[in-house]
């Protein structure tokens, strides 16, 4: 049975933070997107992560990413 995935967003990231998040997620084979916020200064990084059975998103690799 295939696990469901949903988008998790890291908001208000600096350019450096966004670059690091995108690199970390891509290294792990996670679908990731980044978009410039309306303030033209900060970024939102979105990662499509597997959901746990209880509906909550987990951190399959552990540790803090942002």
Protein backbone atom coordinates (compact mmCIF):
# COMPACT_ATOMS: atom_id res chain seq x y z
CA UNK A 1 0.00 0.00 0.00
CA UNK A 2 1.37 3.38 -1.00
CA UNK A 3 1.73 6.02 1.70
CA UNK A 4 -0.11 9.27 1.23
CA UNK A 5 1.95 12.40 0.91
CA UNK A 6 1.10 16.00 1.64
CA UNK A 7 2.88 19.32 1.38
CA UNK A 8 4.75 20.70 4.38
CA UNK A 9 5.79 24.34 4.21
CA UNK A 10 8.70 26.20 5.74
CA UNK A 11 7.67 29.87 5.61
CA UNK A 12 9.61 33.11 5.95
CA UNK A 13 12.98 31.58 4.99
CA UNK A 14 16.00 33.64 4.07
CA UNK A 15 17.64 32.86 0.74
CA UNK A 16 20.37 30.90 2.52
CA UNK A 17 17.86 28.90 4.58
CA UNK A 18 15.79 28.14 1.48
CA UNK A 19 18.87 26.98 -0.45
CA UNK A 20 19.90 24.68 2.40
CA UNK A 21 16.41 23.19 2.80
CA UNK A 22 16.07 22.54 -0.93
CA UNK A 23 19.50 20.88 -1.01
CA UNK A 24 18.71 18.66 2.01
CA UNK A 25 15.35 17.55 0.66
CA UNK A 26 16.66 16.87 -2.86
CA UNK A 27 19.55 14.83 -1.45
CA UNK A 28 16.91 12.59 0.14
CA UNK A 29 14.83 12.35 -3.03
CA UNK A 30 11.94 14.46 -1.72
CA UNK A 31 9.85 16.51 -4.14
CA UNK A 32 10.52 20.13 -3.18
CA UNK A 33 9.57 23.58 -4.46
CA UNK A 34 10.49 27.06 -3.40
CA UNK A 35 8.67 30.29 -4.09
CA UNK A 36 9.37 33.93 -3.40
CA UNK A 37 6.96 35.50 -0.93
CA UNK A 38 4.99 38.68 -1.77
CA UNK A 39 7.49 40.76 0.26
CA UNK A 40 10.16 39.88 -2.38
CA UNK A 41 12.60 39.16 0.47
CA UNK A 42 11.70 35.82 2.05
CA UNK A 43 10.96 32.39 0.60
CA UNK A 44 8.54 29.56 1.25
CA UNK A 45 9.96 26.05 0.77
CA UNK A 46 7.40 23.28 0.23
CA UNK A 47 8.29 19.60 0.58
CA UNK A 48 5.99 16.69 -0.23
CA UNK A 49 6.40 14.36 2.75
CA UNK A 50 4.78 11.03 3.69
CA UNK A 51 1.99 11.15 6.25
CA UNK A 52 1.90 8.93 9.31
CA UNK A 53 -1.06 6.63 9.84
CA UNK A 54 -2.63 9.00 12.34
CA UNK A 55 -2.60 11.77 9.72
CA UNK A 56 0.32 13.71 11.13
CA UNK A 57 3.42 14.36 9.07
CA UNK A 58 6.56 12.79 10.42
CA UNK A 59 10.21 13.54 10.09
CA UNK A 60 11.43 10.34 8.50
CA UNK A 61 15.06 11.44 8.72
CA UNK A 62 14.97 12.99 12.17
CA UNK A 63 16.48 16.24 13.26
CA UNK A 64 15.51 19.80 12.51
CA UNK A 65 15.73 20.98 8.92
CA UNK A 66 15.14 24.67 9.29
